[in-house]
């Protein structure tokens, strides 16, 4: 078997957005949201069933999966390869828009049903204290700040940060872990792993097998993969450009300070200013390319506060 990469958003939507294989999405949703027994989702209707996307539209199209269950609850599932500016606001907007669009003007508010957003992210999204645990799944609800009770239950965001999932194949036990392992590692495998004992998960692996894909689907998948590599290459290029420009600026300022305060002290101050300028320049480029503050802080000498103070126009 040769599996596609589920992190490729074309593949992700083909696997989870098939109207003929809704059991795959149902199993995934129940695992992520922890729904069991009478609360478990029994059936879903996919609102935007998978169709081979047109290549010329893949540059800007966001390929998500939207569905409703038998109770009218709405689910939005999205695969995101890299961080983009304004991501938090966009996720919130999607959630709010899906909620408000359930009724027309003048209709009764009780007709509004819950909306769940699930973002599968191939990058670290949330900043955490150094040394703190880095869970791969986080759930975000509207809670009372004193009692921590969930008084408003209609809106919820869930995020899976794939880099934080580090379990090996033999360590995977729960159905949620099996799903996350599939998304993160399927394209590295040649056979369906033994732990994939859930029928719907097995269907997902079979759907991910390139042997069953049409030529048009494979072309769209490969085109999207090339665009992902281009985006990551642009980020790497921005890093290198930031380093070069910072070094050049540091050398110039060091030379100037050397004349004014003495060669030794000037070189030291110039170097420090140059390094600071280089770090800020690099941070600007990285923020433009989608890195979050925590990731930038790991690669520069800037603090998270300094990075967040850098203003960029979205």
Protein backbone atom coordinates (compact mmCIF):
# COMPACT_ATOMS: atom_id res chain seq x y z
CA UNK A 1 0.00 0.00 0.00
CA UNK A 2 1.07 3.57 -0.63
CA UNK A 3 -0.86 6.02 1.51
CA UNK A 4 -1.33 9.69 0.75
CA UNK A 5 -0.43 12.26 3.36
CA UNK A 6 -3.64 13.13 5.28
CA UNK A 7 -2.03 16.44 6.27
CA UNK A 8 -2.35 17.50 2.66
CA UNK A 9 -5.70 19.29 2.86
CA UNK A 10 -6.92 17.86 -0.45
CA UNK A 11 -6.34 14.34 0.90
CA UNK A 12 -7.81 15.31 4.28
CA UNK A 13 -11.07 16.43 2.75
CA UNK A 14 -11.30 13.43 0.42
CA UNK A 15 -10.89 11.08 3.39
CA UNK A 16 -13.17 12.86 5.86
CA UNK A 17 -15.55 14.58 3.45
CA UNK A 18 -16.92 11.64 1.48
CA UNK A 19 -20.71 11.41 1.47
CA UNK A 20 -20.38 7.68 0.79
CA UNK A 21 -18.10 7.11 3.79
CA UNK A 22 -19.64 9.28 6.51
CA UNK A 23 -18.72 6.59 9.07
CA UNK A 24 -15.13 7.88 8.86
CA UNK A 25 -16.10 11.39 9.86
CA UNK A 26 -18.50 10.14 12.54
CA UNK A 27 -15.82 8.00 14.19
CA UNK A 28 -13.32 10.87 14.10
CA UNK A 29 -15.79 13.41 15.54
CA UNK A 30 -16.86 11.10 18.36
CA UNK A 31 -13.22 10.41 19.24
CA UNK A 32 -12.16 14.09 19.26
CA UNK A 33 -15.23 15.36 21.12
CA UNK A 34 -15.33 12.43 23.55
CA UNK A 35 -18.91 11.52 22.64
CA UNK A 36 -20.08 8.09 23.80
CA UNK A 37 -23.25 6.07 24.30
CA UNK A 38 -26.40 8.21 23.95
CA UNK A 39 -24.34 11.35 23.25
CA UNK A 40 -22.47 9.76 20.35
CA UNK A 41 -23.14 11.00 16.82
CA UNK A 42 -25.11 8.40 14.90
CA UNK A 43 -25.36 9.98 11.46
CA UNK A 44 -24.15 13.06 9.63
CA UNK A 45 -24.97 14.92 6.45
CA UNK A 46 -21.91 16.45 4.84
CA UNK A 47 -22.76 19.96 3.68
CA UNK A 48 -19.88 20.26 1.19
CA UNK A 49 -19.12 16.74 -0.09
CA UNK A 50 -15.67 16.20 -1.60
CA UNK A 51 -15.24 16.99 -5.26
CA UNK A 52 -11.92 17.12 -7.07
CA UNK A 53 -10.86 20.78 -6.71
CA UNK A 54 -9.85 22.80 -9.76
CA UNK A 55 -6.09 23.35 -9.78
CA UNK A 56 -6.29 27.08 -10.47
CA UNK A 57 -8.40 27.59 -7.33
CA UNK A 58 -6.22 25.56 -4.96
CA UNK A 59 -3.96 28.51 -4.16
CA UNK A 60 -6.60 30.34 -2.13
CA UNK A 61 -9.36 27.82 -1.47
CA UNK A 62 -9.63 26.60 2.13
CA UNK A 63 -10.65 22.96 2.05
CA UNK A 64 -12.65 22.24 5.17
CA UNK A 65 -15.32 19.65 5.96
CA UNK A 66 -18.74 20.79 7.17
CA UNK A 67 -21.48 18.51 8.41
CA UNK A 68 -24.58 18.37 10.58
CA UNK A 69 -25.79 15.44 12.65
CA UNK A 70 -29.26 14.10 13.32
CA UNK A 71 -29.80 16.72 16.05
CA UNK A 72 -28.89 19.64 13.82
CA UNK A 73 -25.50 20.20 15.45
CA UNK A 74 -22.94 21.66 13.03
CA UNK A 75 -19.32 20.50 12.76
CA UNK A 76 -16.50 22.29 10.94
CA UNK A 77 -13.25 20.35 10.51
CA UNK A 78 -10.21 21.96 8.94
CA UNK A 79 -6.65 20.83 8.22
CA UNK A 80 -4.14 23.68 8.51
CA UNK A 81 -0.54 23.10 7.37
CA UNK A 82 1.04 26.37 8.52
CA UNK A 83 0.10 29.37 10.62
CA UNK A 84 -1.43 32.32 8.80
CA UNK A 85 -1.91 35.85 10.08
CA UNK A 86 -5.24 36.44 11.79
CA UNK A 87 -5.85 32.70 12.26
CA UNK A 88 -7.51 33.12 15.66
CA UNK A 89 -9.96 35.67 14.30
CA UNK A 90 -10.67 33.56 11.24
CA UNK A 91 -11.44 30.47 13.34
CA UNK A 92 -13.73 32.53 15.56
CA UNK A 93 -15.42 34.08 12.52
CA UNK A 94 -16.09 30.67 10.97
CA UNK A 95 -17.62 29.47 14.21
CA UNK A 96 -19.80 32.57 14.68
CA UNK A 97 -20.90 32.66 11.04
CA UNK A 98 -21.91 29.00 11.05
CA UNK A 99 -23.92 29.64 14.21
CA UNK A 100 -25.73 32.78 13.05
CA UNK A 101 -26.47 31.45 9.55
CA UNK A 102 -28.72 28.71 10.97
CA UNK A 103 -31.67 31.10 11.10
CA UNK A 104 -32.94 33.92 8.95
CA UNK A 105 -33.89 37.36 10.19
CA UNK A 106 -37.08 37.21 12.22
CA UNK A 107 -36.85 33.51 13.04
CA UNK A 108 -36.79 32.27 16.62
CA UNK A 109 -33.44 32.00 18.43
CA UNK A 110 -34.32 28.59 19.95
CA UNK A 111 -33.79 27.14 16.48
CA UNK A 112 -30.05 27.74 16.87
CA UNK A 113 -28.03 24.57 17.52
CA UNK A 114 -24.50 23.93 18.73
CA UNK A 115 -21.50 24.48 16.46
CA UNK A 116 -18.17 22.72 16.95
CA UNK A 117 -14.94 23.72 15.21
CA UNK A 118 -12.08 21.23 15.00
CA UNK A 119 -8.76 22.48 13.69
CA UNK A 120 -6.08 19.91 12.90
CA UNK A 121 -2.83 21.90 12.90
CA UNK A 122 0.58 20.83 11.65
CA UNK A 123 2.28 23.45 13.83
CA UNK A 124 2.34 24.55 17.46
CA UNK A 125 -0.41 27.12 17.88
CA UNK A 126 -0.63 27.89 21.59
CA UNK A 127 2.13 29.39 23.71
CA UNK A 128 2.86 27.52 26.91
CA UNK A 129 5.33 28.11 29.73
CA UNK A 130 8.74 26.56 29.33
CA UNK A 131 8.75 23.06 30.77
CA UNK A 132 4.94 22.89 30.90
CA UNK A 133 3.04 19.97 29.38
CA UNK A 134 2.19 20.34 25.71
CA UNK A 135 -1.10 18.49 25.12
CA UNK A 136 -1.89 17.68 21.52
CA UNK A 137 -5.63 18.26 22.01
CA UNK A 138 -7.07 21.40 23.56
CA UNK A 139 -10.73 22.31 24.01
CA UNK A 140 -11.96 25.90 24.19
CA UNK A 141 -15.35 26.74 25.65
CA UNK A 142 -17.15 29.77 27.12
CA UNK A 143 -16.75 29.40 30.89
CA UNK A 144 -17.62 31.44 33.97
CA UNK A 145 -14.26 32.84 35.15
CA UNK A 146 -15.07 32.15 38.82
CA UNK A 147 -16.98 28.87 38.80
CA UNK A 148 -15.52 27.52 35.54
CA UNK A 149 -19.00 26.30 34.70
CA UNK A 150 -19.99 26.17 31.03
CA UNK A 151 -23.11 28.31 31.04
CA UNK A 152 -23.04 28.93 27.28
CA UNK A 153 -22.73 25.59 25.51
CA UNK A 154 -23.48 26.41 21.89
CA UNK A 155 -19.96 27.28 20.70
CA UNK A 156 -16.77 25.25 21.07
CA UNK A 157 -13.36 25.15 19.40
CA UNK A 158 -11.07 22.13 19.48
CA UNK A 159 -7.49 22.05 18.22
CA UNK A 160 -5.16 19.14 17.54
CA UNK A 161 -1.52 20.29 17.44
CA UNK A 162 0.21 17.46 15.58
CA UNK A 163 3.79 18.39 16.63
CA UNK A 164 2.78 17.80 20.26
CA UNK A 165 1.71 14.22 19.51
CA UNK A 166 4.82 12.07 19.98
CA UNK A 167 3.48 8.58 20.67
CA UNK A 168 5.04 5.65 18.83
CA UNK A 169 2.99 3.04 17.03
CA UNK A 170 3.19 0.54 19.91
CA UNK A 171 2.18 3.22 22.45
CA UNK A 172 -1.10 4.13 20.78
CA UNK A 173 -4.14 2.83 22.68
CA UNK A 174 -7.23 5.07 22.55
CA UNK A 175 -9.31 5.63 19.43
CA UNK A 176 -8.40 9.33 19.46
CA UNK A 177 -4.69 8.48 19.53
CA UNK A 178 -5.21 6.08 16.63
CA UNK A 179 -6.87 8.80 14.58
CA UNK A 180 -4.15 11.35 15.32
CA UNK A 181 -1.48 8.75 14.54
CA UNK A 182 -3.19 8.11 11.20
CA UNK A 183 -3.23 11.80 10.27
CA UNK A 184 0.37 12.36 11.29
CA UNK A 185 2.04 9.16 10.07
CA UNK A 186 -0.06 7.44 7.38
CA UNK A 187 2.21 8.51 4.52
CA UNK A 188 5.20 6.90 6.29
CA UNK A 189 3.50 3.48 6.46
CA UNK A 190 3.26 0.65 3.95
CA UNK A 191 0.58 -1.40 5.73
CA UNK A 192 -2.34 -0.65 8.02
CA UNK A 193 -1.00 -0.80 11.60
CA UNK A 194 -2.23 -3.51 13.93
CA UNK A 195 -3.74 -1.00 16.35
CA UNK A 196 -6.18 0.20 13.65
CA UNK A 197 -8.91 -2.15 14.84
CA UNK A 198 -11.79 0.31 14.40
CA UNK A 199 -13.72 -0.42 11.14
CA UNK A 200 -14.04 3.26 10.28
CA UNK A 201 -10.34 3.84 10.87
CA UNK A 202 -9.58 0.93 8.58
CA UNK A 203 -11.82 2.55 5.97
CA UNK A 204 -9.80 5.75 6.34
CA UNK A 205 -6.55 3.89 5.63
CA UNK A 206 -8.11 2.22 2.61
CA UNK A 207 -9.40 5.57 1.33
CA UNK A 208 -5.89 6.98 1.77
CA UNK A 209 -4.41 4.27 -0.44
CA UNK A 210 -3.36 5.98 -3.67
CA UNK A 211 -4.21 2.85 -5.64
CA UNK A 212 -7.90 3.74 -5.40
CA UNK A 213 -7.52 7.38 -6.44
CA UNK A 214 -8.46 8.80 -9.83
CA UNK A 215 -5.86 10.57 -11.94
CA UNK A 216 -7.59 13.93 -11.40
CA UNK A 217 -7.59 13.47 -7.62
CA UNK A 218 -3.89 12.51 -7.63
CA UNK A 219 -3.04 15.57 -9.72
CA UNK A 220 -4.89 17.86 -7.30
CA UNK A 221 -3.19 16.14 -4.36
CA UNK A 222 0.28 16.47 -5.89
CA UNK A 223 -0.32 20.08 -6.93
CA UNK A 224 -1.36 20.99 -3.40
CA UNK A 225 1.71 19.19 -2.07
CA UNK A 226 3.96 21.30 -4.30
CA UNK A 227 2.29 24.48 -3.11
CA UNK A 228 2.83 23.44 0.52
CA UNK A 229 6.54 22.91 -0.20
CA UNK A 230 6.70 26.31 -1.90
CA UNK A 231 5.16 27.97 1.16
CA UNK A 232 7.62 26.28 3.50
CA UNK A 233 10.50 27.17 1.19
CA UNK A 234 9.43 30.80 1.29
CA UNK A 235 9.58 30.71 5.11
CA UNK A 236 13.12 29.27 5.02
CA UNK A 237 14.15 31.94 2.50
CA UNK A 238 12.72 34.66 4.75
CA UNK A 239 14.83 33.36 7.63
CA UNK A 240 18.03 33.49 5.58
CA UNK A 241 17.25 36.95 4.24
CA UNK A 242 16.62 38.16 7.77
CA UNK A 243 19.98 36.82 8.94
CA UNK A 244 21.86 38.40 6.01
CA UNK A 245 20.23 41.80 6.38
CA UNK A 246 20.79 41.78 10.12
CA UNK A 247 24.46 40.91 9.70
CA UNK A 248 24.92 43.71 7.16
CA UNK A 249 23.20 46.25 9.43
CA UNK A 250 25.22 45.10 12.42
CA UNK A 251 28.50 45.49 10.59
CA UNK A 252 27.58 49.01 9.48
CA UNK A 253 26.48 50.16 12.93
CA UNK A 254 29.46 48.51 14.56
CA UNK A 255 31.82 50.42 12.29
CA UNK A 256 30.09 53.72 13.11
CA UNK A 257 30.13 53.15 16.86
CA UNK A 258 33.77 52.11 16.65
CA UNK A 259 34.73 55.56 15.40
CA UNK A 260 32.69 57.35 18.03
CA UNK A 261 33.43 55.33 21.17
CA UNK A 262 36.55 53.41 20.35
CA UNK A 263 36.97 50.38 18.20
CA UNK A 264 36.44 47.78 20.93
CA UNK A 265 33.37 49.29 22.58
CA UNK A 266 31.92 50.33 19.25
CA UNK A 267 32.29 46.88 17.80
CA UNK A 268 30.58 45.39 20.83
CA UNK A 269 27.64 47.79 20.76
CA UNK A 270 27.36 47.61 17.02
CA UNK A 271 27.30 43.85 17.16
CA UNK A 272 24.60 43.92 19.84
CA UNK A 273 22.48 46.36 17.86
CA UNK A 274 23.06 44.38 14.72
CA UNK A 275 21.99 41.17 16.38
CA UNK A 276 18.89 42.89 17.75
CA UNK A 277 18.05 44.34 14.36
CA UNK A 278 18.66 40.96 12.73
CA UNK A 279 16.36 39.25 15.22
CA UNK A 280 13.61 41.83 14.69
CA UNK A 281 13.96 41.62 10.92
CA UNK A 282 13.79 37.85 11.06
CA UNK A 283 10.79 38.00 13.41
CA UNK A 284 8.94 40.32 11.02
CA UNK A 285 9.45 37.98 8.10
CA UNK A 286 8.50 34.93 10.15
CA UNK A 287 5.31 36.59 11.41
CA UNK A 288 4.44 37.48 7.83
CA UNK A 289 4.95 33.85 6.83
CA UNK A 290 2.73 32.53 9.61
CA UNK A 291 4.98 31.62 12.56
CA UNK A 292 3.49 32.31 15.98
CA UNK A 293 5.27 34.15 18.80
CA UNK A 294 6.34 31.02 20.67
CA UNK A 295 7.95 29.52 17.57
CA UNK A 296 9.77 32.77 16.74
CA UNK A 297 11.05 33.08 20.31
CA UNK A 298 12.60 29.62 20.02
CA UNK A 299 14.57 30.72 16.94
CA UNK A 300 15.61 34.24 18.01
CA UNK A 301 16.85 36.02 21.14
CA UNK A 302 13.65 38.05 21.33
CA UNK A 303 11.10 37.56 24.08
CA UNK A 304 7.50 36.64 23.35
CA UNK A 305 6.48 40.12 24.54
CA UNK A 306 8.88 41.80 22.09
CA UNK A 307 7.58 39.64 19.25
CA UNK A 308 3.94 40.32 20.02
CA UNK A 309 4.72 44.08 20.10
CA UNK A 310 5.81 43.95 16.46
CA UNK A 311 2.93 45.37 14.45
CA UNK A 312 2.13 43.81 11.09
CA UNK A 313 -0.75 44.74 8.81
CA UNK A 314 -2.86 41.66 7.97
